[in-house]
Protein backbone atom coordinates (compact mmCIF):
# COMPACT_ATOMS: atom_id res chain seq x y z
CA UNK A 1 42.48 340.18 213.51
CA UNK A 2 45.71 338.66 214.78
CA UNK A 3 47.23 335.49 213.46
CA UNK A 4 47.74 332.67 215.93
CA UNK A 5 51.25 332.40 217.31
CA UNK A 6 53.43 329.40 216.59
CA UNK A 7 53.57 326.82 219.37
CA UNK A 8 57.10 327.01 220.79
CA UNK A 9 56.85 323.39 221.98
CA UNK A 10 56.26 321.72 218.61
CA UNK A 11 59.90 320.64 218.45
CA UNK A 12 59.37 318.14 221.31
CA UNK A 13 59.41 314.67 219.73
CA UNK A 14 60.22 311.28 221.21
CA UNK A 15 63.03 309.39 219.53
CA UNK A 16 63.90 305.75 220.04
CA UNK A 17 67.33 304.71 221.32
CA UNK A 18 68.88 301.28 221.69
CA UNK A 19 68.27 301.50 225.46
CA UNK A 20 64.75 302.95 225.37
CA UNK A 21 63.62 306.36 224.17
CA UNK A 22 64.28 310.03 224.83
CA UNK A 23 63.66 313.57 223.70
CA UNK A 24 65.66 316.78 223.82
CA UNK A 25 64.12 319.92 225.30
CA UNK A 26 65.11 323.47 226.10
CA UNK A 27 66.22 323.64 229.73
CA UNK A 28 63.05 325.45 230.89
CA UNK A 29 60.80 322.91 229.18
CA UNK A 30 62.93 320.06 230.55
CA UNK A 31 62.48 321.43 234.10
CA UNK A 32 58.70 321.46 233.72
CA UNK A 33 58.48 318.10 231.96
CA UNK A 34 60.77 316.35 234.44
CA UNK A 35 58.44 317.49 237.25
CA UNK A 36 55.34 316.34 235.33
CA UNK A 37 56.81 312.89 234.69
CA UNK A 38 57.80 312.57 238.35
CA UNK A 39 54.26 313.52 239.45
CA UNK A 40 52.87 310.75 237.25
CA UNK A 41 55.36 308.13 238.39
CA UNK A 42 57.22 308.00 235.06
CA UNK A 43 60.91 307.67 235.85
CA UNK A 44 63.34 309.45 233.56
CA UNK A 45 67.01 310.32 233.65
CA UNK A 46 68.08 313.84 232.73
CA UNK A 47 71.18 314.33 230.59
CA UNK A 48 72.31 317.92 230.95
CA UNK A 49 73.86 319.87 228.10
CA UNK A 50 72.61 317.58 225.35
CA UNK A 51 72.86 320.59 223.04
CA UNK A 52 73.21 324.36 223.34
CA UNK A 53 70.69 325.29 226.04
CA UNK A 54 69.11 321.83 225.89
CA UNK A 55 68.82 318.75 228.09
CA UNK A 56 67.67 315.25 227.18
CA UNK A 57 65.09 313.30 229.16
CA UNK A 58 65.83 309.58 228.81
CA UNK A 59 63.49 306.68 229.55
CA UNK A 60 64.28 302.98 229.92
CA UNK A 61 62.83 300.56 227.36
CA UNK A 62 60.46 299.25 230.07
CA UNK A 63 58.88 302.71 230.59
CA UNK A 64 55.29 303.23 229.42
CA UNK A 65 55.95 305.05 226.15
CA UNK A 66 52.25 305.69 225.58
CA UNK A 67 51.93 307.44 228.96
CA UNK A 68 55.07 309.51 228.26
CA UNK A 69 53.69 310.49 224.84
CA UNK A 70 50.35 311.49 226.40
CA UNK A 71 52.07 313.74 228.98
CA UNK A 72 54.25 315.27 226.27
CA UNK A 73 51.30 315.95 223.95
CA UNK A 74 49.29 317.47 226.79
CA UNK A 75 52.25 319.69 227.70
CA UNK A 76 52.63 320.82 224.09
CA UNK A 77 48.98 321.95 224.00
CA UNK A 78 49.35 324.29 227.00
CA UNK A 79 49.84 327.89 225.89
CA UNK A 80 52.99 329.67 227.02
CA UNK A 81 56.05 328.06 228.51
């Protein structure tokens, strides 16, 4: 019997900023998430090199935070990267 593997997307968490909210993601995850948000009409701005191998996806304060959270949670539940 094998133990379940750790979800490599658990680190994805929305953080508030004074201009809205954002989260930092590994570049591969940021590529996928940016496309998902665009498909759903959720505008975000990508800040490259937010950390080593990471980009930030930034949302204006007027963005639907609940919808962004739902997309992010759904993405985190998908197995693999």
